[in-house]
Amino acid sequence: MNRRATHRTAAVGPIDLARARRRRATETSLSEAMPRSLARLVDSVTARWRGHEPEIAILSGITLMLAVAAVFAGADLLFTFMLAMVAAITIWSPWRQSE
């Protein structure tokens, strides 16, 4: 057997369970990371559009309600989701400068 074939068939080394547990303890779950990410986004938009928070909240809420109403009315889920994302990106407008 040549060296390459031996390398491919060699067993994986032992797993360090203590190291794996420490790594898992430092990783954050998606349910913890998403609210933090959303909070950072809201803080950055609030800092950029100081004084316009009610307008942004109202537009975001109405967009969400219209998307849900469209899905319940029978609209295609993927198409509705894509349009809602375009609306959200436009409302939150990360490329625009404050007044």
PDB file of N, CA and C in Angstrom:
ATOM      1  N   MET A   1       0.837  -1.174   0.000  1.00  0.00           N
ATOM      2  CA  MET A   1       0.000   0.000   0.000  1.00  0.00           C
ATOM      3  C   MET A   1       0.886   1.243   0.000  1.00  0.00           C
ATOM      4  N   ASN A   2       0.557   2.174  -0.859  1.00  0.00           N
ATOM      5  CA  ASN A   2       1.387   3.378  -0.892  1.00  0.00           C
ATOM      6  C   ASN A   2       0.991   4.340   0.236  1.00  0.00           C
ATOM      7  N   ARG A   3       1.789   5.375   0.355  1.00  0.00           N
ATOM      8  CA  ARG A   3       1.592   6.319   1.471  1.00  0.00           C
ATOM      9  C   ARG A   3       0.251   7.044   1.387  1.00  0.00           C
ATOM     10  N   ARG A   4      -0.155   7.441   0.182  1.00  0.00           N
ATOM     11  CA  ARG A   4      -1.414   8.165   0.012  1.00  0.00           C
ATOM     12  C   ARG A   4      -2.604   7.285   0.412  1.00  0.00           C
ATOM     13  N   ALA A   5      -2.606   6.043   0.008  1.00  0.00           N
ATOM     14  CA  ALA A   5      -3.688   5.137   0.368  1.00  0.00           C
ATOM     15  C   ALA A   5      -3.732   4.903   1.872  1.00  0.00           C
ATOM     16  N   THR A   6      -2.580   4.818   2.503  1.00  0.00           N
ATOM     17  CA  THR A   6      -2.522   4.636   3.950  1.00  0.00           C
ATOM     18  C   THR A   6      -3.109   5.849   4.662  1.00  0.00           C
ATOM     19  N   HIS A   7      -2.795   7.042   4.137  1.00  0.00           N
ATOM     20  CA  HIS A   7      -3.294   8.272   4.751  1.00  0.00           C
ATOM     21  C   HIS A   7      -4.816   8.344   4.656  1.00  0.00           C
ATOM     22  N   ARG A   8      -5.366   7.932   3.523  1.00  0.00           N
ATOM     23  CA  ARG A   8      -6.814   7.999   3.339  1.00  0.00           C
ATOM     24  C   ARG A   8      -7.553   7.029   4.240  1.00  0.00           C
ATOM     25  N   THR A   9      -6.950   5.890   4.511  1.00  0.00           N
ATOM     26  CA  THR A   9      -7.647   4.874   5.302  1.00  0.00           C
ATOM     27  C   THR A   9      -7.308   4.946   6.786  1.00  0.00           C
ATOM     28  N   ALA A  10      -6.440   5.859   7.169  1.00  0.00           N
ATOM     29  CA  ALA A  10      -6.047   5.958   8.574  1.00  0.00           C
ATOM     30  C   ALA A  10      -7.223   6.456   9.402  1.00  0.00           C
ATOM     31  N   ALA A  11      -7.322   5.966  10.595  1.00  0.00           N
ATOM     32  CA  ALA A  11      -8.399   6.368  11.501  1.00  0.00           C
ATOM     33  C   ALA A  11      -8.165   7.798  11.981  1.00  0.00           C
ATOM     34  N   VAL A  12      -9.256   8.471  12.262  1.00  0.00           N
ATOM     35  CA  VAL A  12      -9.182   9.832  12.794  1.00  0.00           C
ATOM     36  C   VAL A  12      -8.658   9.754  14.212  1.00  0.00           C
ATOM     37  N   GLY A  13      -7.878  10.763  14.597  1.00  0.00           N
ATOM     38  CA  GLY A  13      -7.305  10.793  15.941  1.00  0.00           C
ATOM     39  C   GLY A  13      -8.373  10.887  17.011  1.00  0.00           C
ATOM     40  N   PRO A  14      -7.972  10.683  18.247  1.00  0.00           N
ATOM     41  CA  PRO A  14      -8.951  10.735  19.338  1.00  0.00           C
ATOM     42  C   PRO A  14      -9.556  12.130  19.478  1.00  0.00           C
ATOM     43  N   ILE A  15     -10.774  12.164  19.910  1.00  0.00           N
ATOM     44  CA  ILE A  15     -11.489  13.428  20.086  1.00  0.00           C
ATOM     45  C   ILE A  15     -11.258  13.922  21.503  1.00  0.00           C
ATOM     46  N   ASP A  16     -10.859  15.173  21.621  1.00  0.00           N
ATOM     47  CA  ASP A  16     -10.661  15.783  22.933  1.00  0.00           C
ATOM     48  C   ASP A  16     -12.014  16.305  23.415  1.00  0.00           C
ATOM     49  N   LEU A  17     -12.677  15.554  24.267  1.00  0.00           N
ATOM     50  CA  LEU A  17     -14.025  15.916  24.706  1.00  0.00           C
ATOM     51  C   LEU A  17     -14.056  17.191  25.525  1.00  0.00           C
ATOM     52  N   ALA A  18     -13.056  17.426  26.330  1.00  0.00           N
ATOM     53  CA  ALA A  18     -13.032  18.651  27.138  1.00  0.00           C
ATOM     54  C   ALA A  18     -12.935  19.874  26.234  1.00  0.00           C
ATOM     55  N   ARG A  19     -12.109  19.780  25.213  1.00  0.00           N
ATOM     56  CA  ARG A  19     -11.968  20.905  24.270  1.00  0.00           C
ATOM     57  C   ARG A  19     -13.267  21.127  23.500  1.00  0.00           C
ATOM     58  N   ALA A  20     -13.921  20.058  23.092  1.00  0.00           N
ATOM     59  CA  ALA A  20     -15.192  20.178  22.374  1.00  0.00           C
ATOM     60  C   ALA A  20     -16.253  20.818  23.256  1.00  0.00           C
ATOM     61  N   ARG A  21     -16.284  20.469  24.526  1.00  0.00           N
ATOM     62  CA  ARG A  21     -17.261  21.070  25.448  1.00  0.00           C
ATOM     63  C   ARG A  21     -16.996  22.555  25.657  1.00  0.00           C
ATOM     64  N   ARG A  22     -15.703  22.930  25.796  1.00  0.00           N
ATOM     65  CA  ARG A  22     -15.377  24.353  25.953  1.00  0.00           C
ATOM     66  C   ARG A  22     -15.786  25.140  24.721  1.00  0.00           C
ATOM     67  N   ARG A  23     -15.557  24.576  23.537  1.00  0.00           N
ATOM     68  CA  ARG A  23     -15.909  25.263  22.298  1.00  0.00           C
ATOM     69  C   ARG A  23     -17.418  25.442  22.201  1.00  0.00           C
ATOM     70  N   ARG A  24     -18.169  24.398  22.555  1.00  0.00           N
ATOM     71  CA  ARG A  24     -19.629  24.515  22.515  1.00  0.00           C
ATOM     72  C   ARG A  24     -20.133  25.527  23.525  1.00  0.00           C
ATOM     73  N   ALA A  25     -19.465  25.656  24.653  1.00  0.00           N
ATOM     74  CA  ALA A  25     -19.900  26.598  25.685  1.00  0.00           C
ATOM     75  C   ALA A  25     -19.704  28.038  25.230  1.00  0.00           C
ATOM     76  N   THR A  26     -18.720  28.292  24.373  1.00  0.00           N
ATOM     77  CA  THR A  26     -18.477  29.651  23.915  1.00  0.00           C
ATOM     78  C   THR A  26     -19.284  30.005  22.678  1.00  0.00           C
ATOM     79  N   GLU A  27     -19.785  29.003  21.951  1.00  0.00           N
ATOM     80  CA  GLU A  27     -20.593  29.271  20.770  1.00  0.00           C
ATOM     81  C   GLU A  27     -21.977  29.747  21.203  1.00  0.00           C
ATOM     82  N   THR A  28     -22.520  30.679  20.447  1.00  0.00           N
ATOM     83  CA  THR A  28     -23.867  31.145  20.745  1.00  0.00           C
ATOM     84  C   THR A  28     -24.837  30.494  19.775  1.00  0.00           C
ATOM     85  N   SER A  29     -25.999  30.200  20.256  1.00  0.00           N
ATOM     86  CA  SER A  29     -27.009  29.592  19.400  1.00  0.00           C
ATOM     87  C   SER A  29     -27.645  30.655  18.523  1.00  0.00           C
ATOM     88  N   LEU A  30     -28.339  30.200  17.502  1.00  0.00           N
ATOM     89  CA  LEU A  30     -29.000  31.118  16.587  1.00  0.00           C
ATOM     90  C   LEU A  30     -30.060  31.935  17.314  1.00  0.00           C
ATOM     91  N   SER A  31     -30.735  31.330  18.275  1.00  0.00           N
ATOM     92  CA  SER A  31     -31.777  32.050  19.012  1.00  0.00           C
ATOM     93  C   SER A  31     -31.196  33.152  19.890  1.00  0.00           C
ATOM     94  N   GLU A  32     -29.915  33.061  20.238  1.00  0.00           N
ATOM     95  CA  GLU A  32     -29.264  34.130  21.001  1.00  0.00           C
ATOM     96  C   GLU A  32     -28.613  35.151  20.078  1.00  0.00           C
ATOM     97  N   ALA A  33     -28.084  34.702  18.955  1.00  0.00           N
ATOM     98  CA  ALA A  33     -27.366  35.589  18.047  1.00  0.00           C
ATOM     99  C   ALA A  33     -28.305  36.504  17.261  1.00  0.00           C
ATOM    100  N   MET A  34     -29.464  36.005  16.873  1.00  0.00           N
ATOM    101  CA  MET A  34     -30.388  36.812  16.063  1.00  0.00           C
ATOM    102  C   MET A  34     -30.890  38.054  16.804  1.00  0.00           C
ATOM    103  N   PRO A  35     -31.355  37.948  18.054  1.00  0.00           N
ATOM    104  CA  PRO A  35     -31.788  39.175  18.739  1.00  0.00           C
ATOM    105  C   PRO A  35     -30.654  40.187  18.918  1.00  0.00           C
ATOM    106  N   ARG A  36     -29.439  39.702  19.181  1.00  0.00           N
ATOM    107  CA  ARG A  36     -28.303  40.623  19.312  1.00  0.00           C
ATOM    108  C   ARG A  36     -28.029  41.337  17.999  1.00  0.00           C
ATOM    109  N   SER A  37     -28.061  40.586  16.912  1.00  0.00           N
ATOM    110  CA  SER A  37     -27.824  41.173  15.594  1.00  0.00           C
ATOM    111  C   SER A  37     -28.920  42.179  15.251  1.00  0.00           C
ATOM    112  N   LEU A  38     -30.154  41.837  15.535  1.00  0.00           N
ATOM    113  CA  LEU A  38     -31.265  42.750  15.272  1.00  0.00           C
ATOM    114  C   LEU A  38     -31.153  44.004  16.137  1.00  0.00           C
ATOM    115  N   ALA A  39     -30.744  43.849  17.384  1.00  0.00           N
ATOM    116  CA  ALA A  39     -30.577  45.008  18.269  1.00  0.00           C
ATOM    117  C   ALA A  39     -29.474  45.935  17.754  1.00  0.00           C
ATOM    118  N   ARG A  40     -28.364  45.351  17.257  1.00  0.00           N
ATOM    119  CA  ARG A  40     -27.296  46.187  16.679  1.00  0.00           C
ATOM    120  C   ARG A  40     -27.788  46.934  15.453  1.00  0.00           C
ATOM    121  N   LEU A  41     -28.596  46.269  14.609  1.00  0.00           N
ATOM    122  CA  LEU A  41     -29.145  46.918  13.422  1.00  0.00           C
ATOM    123  C   LEU A  41     -30.069  48.062  13.808  1.00  0.00           C
ATOM    124  N   VAL A  42     -30.937  47.818  14.774  1.00  0.00           N
ATOM    125  CA  VAL A  42     -31.853  48.873  15.224  1.00  0.00           C
ATOM    126  C   VAL A  42     -31.070  50.049  15.810  1.00  0.00           C
ATOM    127  N   ASP A  43     -30.041  49.765  16.595  1.00  0.00           N
ATOM    128  CA  ASP A  43     -29.227  50.846  17.168  1.00  0.00           C
ATOM    129  C   ASP A  43     -28.534  51.671  16.086  1.00  0.00           C
ATOM    130  N   SER A  44     -28.010  51.012  15.059  1.00  0.00           N
ATOM    131  CA  SER A  44     -27.327  51.759  14.004  1.00  0.00           C
ATOM    132  C   SER A  44     -28.297  52.600  13.195  1.00  0.00           C
ATOM    133  N   VAL A  45     -29.491  52.060  12.923  1.00  0.00           N
ATOM    134  CA  VAL A  45     -30.496  52.838  12.183  1.00  0.00           C
ATOM    135  C   VAL A  45     -30.988  54.003  13.027  1.00  0.00           C
ATOM    136  N   THR A  46     -31.189  53.757  14.310  1.00  0.00           N
ATOM    137  CA  THR A  46     -31.629  54.827  15.203  1.00  0.00           C
ATOM    138  C   THR A  46     -30.587  55.937  15.286  1.00  0.00           C
ATOM    139  N   ALA A  47     -29.329  55.570  15.340  1.00  0.00           N
ATOM    140  CA  ALA A  47     -28.271  56.581  15.400  1.00  0.00           C
ATOM    141  C   ALA A  47     -28.215  57.387  14.108  1.00  0.00           C
ATOM    142  N   ARG A  48     -28.444  56.735  12.982  1.00  0.00           N
ATOM    143  CA  ARG A  48     -28.363  57.430  11.701  1.00  0.00           C
ATOM    144  C   ARG A  48     -29.597  58.279  11.430  1.00  0.00           C
ATOM    145  N   TRP A  49     -30.776  57.806  11.832  1.00  0.00           N
ATOM    146  CA  TRP A  49     -32.025  58.500  11.543  1.00  0.00           C
ATOM    147  C   TRP A  49     -32.667  59.028  12.820  1.00  0.00           C
ATOM    148  N   ARG A  50     -31.904  59.689  13.643  1.00  0.00           N
ATOM    149  CA  ARG A  50     -32.408  60.208  14.900  1.00  0.00           C
ATOM    150  C   ARG A  50     -33.626  61.107  14.642  1.00  0.00           C
ATOM    151  N   GLY A  51     -34.699  60.830  15.350  1.00  0.00           N
ATOM    152  CA  GLY A  51     -35.925  61.609  15.193  1.00  0.00           C
ATOM    153  C   GLY A  51     -36.915  60.997  14.220  1.00  0.00           C
ATOM    154  N   HIS A  52     -36.505  59.957  13.483  1.00  0.00           N
ATOM    155  CA  HIS A  52     -37.394  59.314  12.513  1.00  0.00           C
ATOM    156  C   HIS A  52     -37.758  57.888  12.906  1.00  0.00           C
ATOM    157  N   GLU A  53     -37.569  57.546  14.154  1.00  0.00           N
ATOM    158  CA  GLU A  53     -37.856  56.188  14.601  1.00  0.00           C
ATOM    159  C   GLU A  53     -39.319  55.794  14.411  1.00  0.00           C
ATOM    160  N   PRO A  54     -40.289  56.688  14.699  1.00  0.00           N
ATOM    161  CA  PRO A  54     -41.697  56.283  14.514  1.00  0.00           C
ATOM    162  C   PRO A  54     -42.018  55.941  13.060  1.00  0.00           C
ATOM    163  N   GLU A  55     -41.490  56.725  12.118  1.00  0.00           N
ATOM    164  CA  GLU A  55     -41.772  56.443  10.713  1.00  0.00           C
ATOM    165  C   GLU A  55     -41.204  55.094  10.295  1.00  0.00           C
ATOM    166  N   ILE A  56     -39.990  54.814  10.733  1.00  0.00           N
ATOM    167  CA  ILE A  56     -39.360  53.546  10.376  1.00  0.00           C
ATOM    168  C   ILE A  56     -40.134  52.392  11.006  1.00  0.00           C
ATOM    169  N   ALA A  57     -40.547  52.537  12.251  1.00  0.00           N
ATOM    170  CA  ALA A  57     -41.300  51.472  12.923  1.00  0.00           C
ATOM    171  C   ALA A  57     -42.648  51.243  12.248  1.00  0.00           C
ATOM    172  N   ILE A  58     -43.346  52.311  11.904  1.00  0.00           N
ATOM    173  CA  ILE A  58     -44.653  52.173  11.261  1.00  0.00           C
ATOM    174  C   ILE A  58     -44.522  51.514   9.896  1.00  0.00           C
ATOM    175  N   LEU A  59     -43.565  51.976   9.085  1.00  0.00           N
ATOM    176  CA  LEU A  59     -43.376  51.379   7.764  1.00  0.00           C
ATOM    177  C   LEU A  59     -42.972  49.907   7.858  1.00  0.00           C
ATOM    178  N   SER A  60     -42.115  49.585   8.802  1.00  0.00           N
ATOM    179  CA  SER A  60     -41.699  48.188   8.967  1.00  0.00           C
ATOM    180  C   SER A  60     -42.869  47.320   9.404  1.00  0.00           C
ATOM    181  N   GLY A  61     -43.649  47.802  10.353  1.00  0.00           N
ATOM    182  CA  GLY A  61     -44.798  47.040  10.834  1.00  0.00           C
ATOM    183  C   GLY A  61     -45.851  46.832   9.767  1.00  0.00           C
ATOM    184  N   ILE A  62     -46.148  47.874   9.013  1.00  0.00           N
ATOM    185  CA  ILE A  62     -47.150  47.749   7.953  1.00  0.00           C
ATOM    186  C   ILE A  62     -46.662  46.811   6.854  1.00  0.00           C
ATOM    187  N   THR A  63     -45.376  46.870   6.530  1.00  0.00           N
ATOM    188  CA  THR A  63     -44.824  45.955   5.525  1.00  0.00           C
ATOM    189  C   THR A  63     -44.962  44.519   5.982  1.00  0.00           C
ATOM    190  N   LEU A  64     -44.677  44.254   7.241  1.00  0.00           N
ATOM    191  CA  LEU A  64     -44.823  42.903   7.777  1.00  0.00           C
ATOM    192  C   LEU A  64     -46.283  42.457   7.743  1.00  0.00           C
ATOM    193  N   MET A  65     -47.198  43.324   8.147  1.00  0.00           N
ATOM    194  CA  MET A  65     -48.616  42.969   8.139  1.00  0.00           C
ATOM    195  C   MET A  65     -49.118  42.708   6.722  1.00  0.00           C
ATOM    196  N   LEU A  66     -48.682  43.517   5.751  1.00  0.00           N
ATOM    197  CA  LEU A  66     -49.113  43.297   4.370  1.00  0.00           C
ATOM    198  C   LEU A  66     -48.553  41.998   3.805  1.00  0.00           C
ATOM    199  N   ALA A  67     -47.326  41.662   4.180  1.00  0.00           N
ATOM    200  CA  ALA A  67     -46.744  40.400   3.717  1.00  0.00           C
ATOM    201  C   ALA A  67     -47.513  39.213   4.283  1.00  0.00           C
ATOM    202  N   VAL A  68     -47.854  39.262   5.552  1.00  0.00           N
ATOM    203  CA  VAL A  68     -48.621  38.183   6.171  1.00  0.00           C
ATOM    204  C   VAL A  68     -50.009  38.102   5.545  1.00  0.00           C
ATOM    205  N   ALA A  69     -50.650  39.242   5.313  1.00  0.00           N
ATOM    206  CA  ALA A  69     -51.973  39.247   4.692  1.00  0.00           C
ATOM    207  C   ALA A  69     -51.911  38.678   3.275  1.00  0.00           C
ATOM    208  N   ALA A  70     -50.849  38.996   2.532  1.00  0.00           N
ATOM    209  CA  ALA A  70     -50.707  38.474   1.173  1.00  0.00           C
ATOM    210  C   ALA A  70     -50.559  36.954   1.181  1.00  0.00           C
ATOM    211  N   VAL A  71     -49.779  36.432   2.124  1.00  0.00           N
ATOM    212  CA  VAL A  71     -49.607  34.979   2.206  1.00  0.00           C
ATOM    213  C   VAL A  71     -50.928  34.309   2.573  1.00  0.00           C
ATOM    214  N   PHE A  72     -51.661  34.874   3.527  1.00  0.00           N
ATOM    215  CA  PHE A  72     -52.950  34.296   3.909  1.00  0.00           C
ATOM    216  C   PHE A  72     -53.979  34.403   2.777  1.00  0.00           C
ATOM    217  N   ALA A  73     -53.816  35.392   1.901  1.00  0.00           N
ATOM    218  CA  ALA A  73     -54.737  35.553   0.781  1.00  0.00           C
ATOM    219  C   ALA A  73     -54.394  34.615  -0.373  1.00  0.00           C
ATOM    220  N   GLY A  74     -53.273  33.910  -0.265  1.00  0.00           N
ATOM    221  CA  GLY A  74     -52.941  32.927  -1.285  1.00  0.00           C
ATOM    222  C   GLY A  74     -51.789  33.308  -2.185  1.00  0.00           C
ATOM    223  N   ALA A  75     -51.075  34.358  -1.874  1.00  0.00           N
ATOM    224  CA  ALA A  75     -49.928  34.748  -2.699  1.00  0.00           C
ATOM    225  C   ALA A  75     -48.792  33.738  -2.518  1.00  0.00           C
ATOM    226  N   ASP A  76     -47.943  33.658  -3.519  1.00  0.00           N
ATOM    227  CA  ASP A  76     -46.797  32.758  -3.462  1.00  0.00           C
ATOM    228  C   ASP A  76     -45.881  33.180  -2.313  1.00  0.00           C
ATOM    229  N   LEU A  77     -45.503  32.212  -1.482  1.00  0.00           N
ATOM    230  CA  LEU A  77     -44.721  32.503  -0.277  1.00  0.00           C
ATOM    231  C   LEU A  77     -43.340  33.074  -0.625  1.00  0.00           C
ATOM    232  N   LEU A  78     -42.642  32.466  -1.574  1.00  0.00           N
ATOM    233  CA  LEU A  78     -41.303  32.930  -1.928  1.00  0.00           C
ATOM    234  C   LEU A  78     -41.340  34.331  -2.525  1.00  0.00           C
ATOM    235  N   PHE A  79     -42.283  34.571  -3.425  1.00  0.00           N
ATOM    236  CA  PHE A  79     -42.401  35.888  -4.042  1.00  0.00           C
ATOM    237  C   PHE A  79     -42.738  36.951  -2.999  1.00  0.00           C
ATOM    238  N   THR A  80     -43.645  36.631  -2.096  1.00  0.00           N
ATOM    239  CA  THR A  80     -44.018  37.573  -1.038  1.00  0.00           C
ATOM    240  C   THR A  80     -42.835  37.856  -0.133  1.00  0.00           C
ATOM    241  N   PHE A  81     -42.076  36.818   0.218  1.00  0.00           N
ATOM    242  CA  PHE A  81     -40.907  36.997   1.074  1.00  0.00           C
ATOM    243  C   PHE A  81     -39.864  37.879   0.378  1.00  0.00           C
ATOM    244  N   MET A  82     -39.632  37.640  -0.915  1.00  0.00           N
ATOM    245  CA  MET A  82     -38.652  38.460  -1.646  1.00  0.00           C
ATOM    246  C   MET A  82     -39.080  39.925  -1.691  1.00  0.00           C
ATOM    247  N   LEU A  83     -40.345  40.185  -1.967  1.00  0.00           N
ATOM    248  CA  LEU A  83     -40.820  41.570  -2.004  1.00  0.00           C
ATOM    249  C   LEU A  83     -40.758  42.227  -0.626  1.00  0.00           C
ATOM    250  N   ALA A  84     -41.075  41.460   0.411  1.00  0.00           N
ATOM    251  CA  ALA A  84     -40.991  42.007   1.765  1.00  0.00           C
ATOM    252  C   ALA A  84     -39.543  42.341   2.120  1.00  0.00           C
ATOM    253  N   MET A  85     -38.597  41.522   1.687  1.00  0.00           N
ATOM    254  CA  MET A  85     -37.181  41.805   1.950  1.00  0.00           C
ATOM    255  C   MET A  85     -36.722  43.046   1.194  1.00  0.00           C
ATOM    256  N   VAL A  86     -37.156  43.210  -0.046  1.00  0.00           N
ATOM    257  CA  VAL A  86     -36.816  44.424  -0.803  1.00  0.00           C
ATOM    258  C   VAL A  86     -37.382  45.652  -0.104  1.00  0.00           C
ATOM    259  N   ALA A  87     -38.618  45.548   0.369  1.00  0.00           N
ATOM    260  CA  ALA A  87     -39.230  46.674   1.087  1.00  0.00           C
ATOM    261  C   ALA A  87     -38.472  46.968   2.379  1.00  0.00           C
ATOM    262  N   ALA A  88     -38.093  45.932   3.113  1.00  0.00           N
ATOM    263  CA  ALA A  88     -37.363  46.138   4.369  1.00  0.00           C
ATOM    264  C   ALA A  88     -36.007  46.773   4.120  1.00  0.00           C
ATOM    265  N   ILE A  89     -35.303  46.302   3.104  1.00  0.00           N
ATOM    266  CA  ILE A  89     -34.000  46.894   2.786  1.00  0.00           C
ATOM    267  C   ILE A  89     -34.158  48.351   2.378  1.00  0.00           C
ATOM    268  N   THR A  90     -35.206  48.639   1.626  1.00  0.00           N
ATOM    269  CA  THR A  90     -35.447  50.023   1.212  1.00  0.00           C
ATOM    270  C   THR A  90     -35.805  50.901   2.406  1.00  0.00           C
ATOM    271  N   ILE A  91     -36.630  50.391   3.311  1.00  0.00           N
ATOM    272  CA  ILE A  91     -37.030  51.169   4.484  1.00  0.00           C
ATOM    273  C   ILE A  91     -35.829  51.438   5.382  1.00  0.00           C
ATOM    274  N   TRP A  92     -35.023  50.404   5.631  1.00  0.00           N
ATOM    275  CA  TRP A  92     -33.896  50.550   6.556  1.00  0.00           C
ATOM    276  C   TRP A  92     -32.710  51.210   5.870  1.00  0.00           C
ATOM    277  N   SER A  93     -32.708  51.237   4.569  1.00  0.00           N
ATOM    278  CA  SER A  93     -31.763  51.950   3.694  1.00  0.00           C
ATOM    279  C   SER A  93     -30.362  52.179   4.282  1.00  0.00           C
ATOM    280  N   PRO A  94     -29.553  51.145   4.308  1.00  0.00           N
ATOM    281  CA  PRO A  94     -28.205  51.307   4.877  1.00  0.00           C
ATOM    282  C   PRO A  94     -27.286  52.173   4.036  1.00  0.00           C
ATOM    283  N   TRP A  95     -27.628  52.410   2.772  1.00  0.00           N
ATOM    284  CA  TRP A  95     -26.741  53.190   1.907  1.00  0.00           C
ATOM    285  C   TRP A  95     -27.051  54.676   1.938  1.00  0.00           C
ATOM    286  N   ARG A  96     -28.176  55.068   2.533  1.00  0.00           N
ATOM    287  CA  ARG A  96     -28.539  56.476   2.557  1.00  0.00           C
ATOM    288  C   ARG A  96     -27.875  57.193   3.721  1.00  0.00           C
ATOM    289  N   GLN A  97     -27.681  58.462   3.572  1.00  0.00           N
ATOM    290  CA  GLN A  97     -27.089  59.276   4.629  1.00  0.00           C
ATOM    291  C   GLN A  97     -28.208  59.989   5.390  1.00  0.00           C
ATOM    292  N   SER A  98     -27.939  60.320   6.629  1.00  0.00           N
ATOM    293  CA  SER A  98     -28.947  61.044   7.405  1.00  0.00           C
ATOM    294  C   SER A  98     -29.090  62.457   6.869  1.00  0.00           C
ATOM    295  N   GLU A  99     -30.201  63.068   7.202  1.00  0.00           N
ATOM    296  CA  GLU A  99     -30.501  64.412   6.693  1.00  0.00           C
ATOM    297  C   GLU A  99     -29.568  65.454   7.250  1.00  0.00           C
TER     298      GLU A  99
END
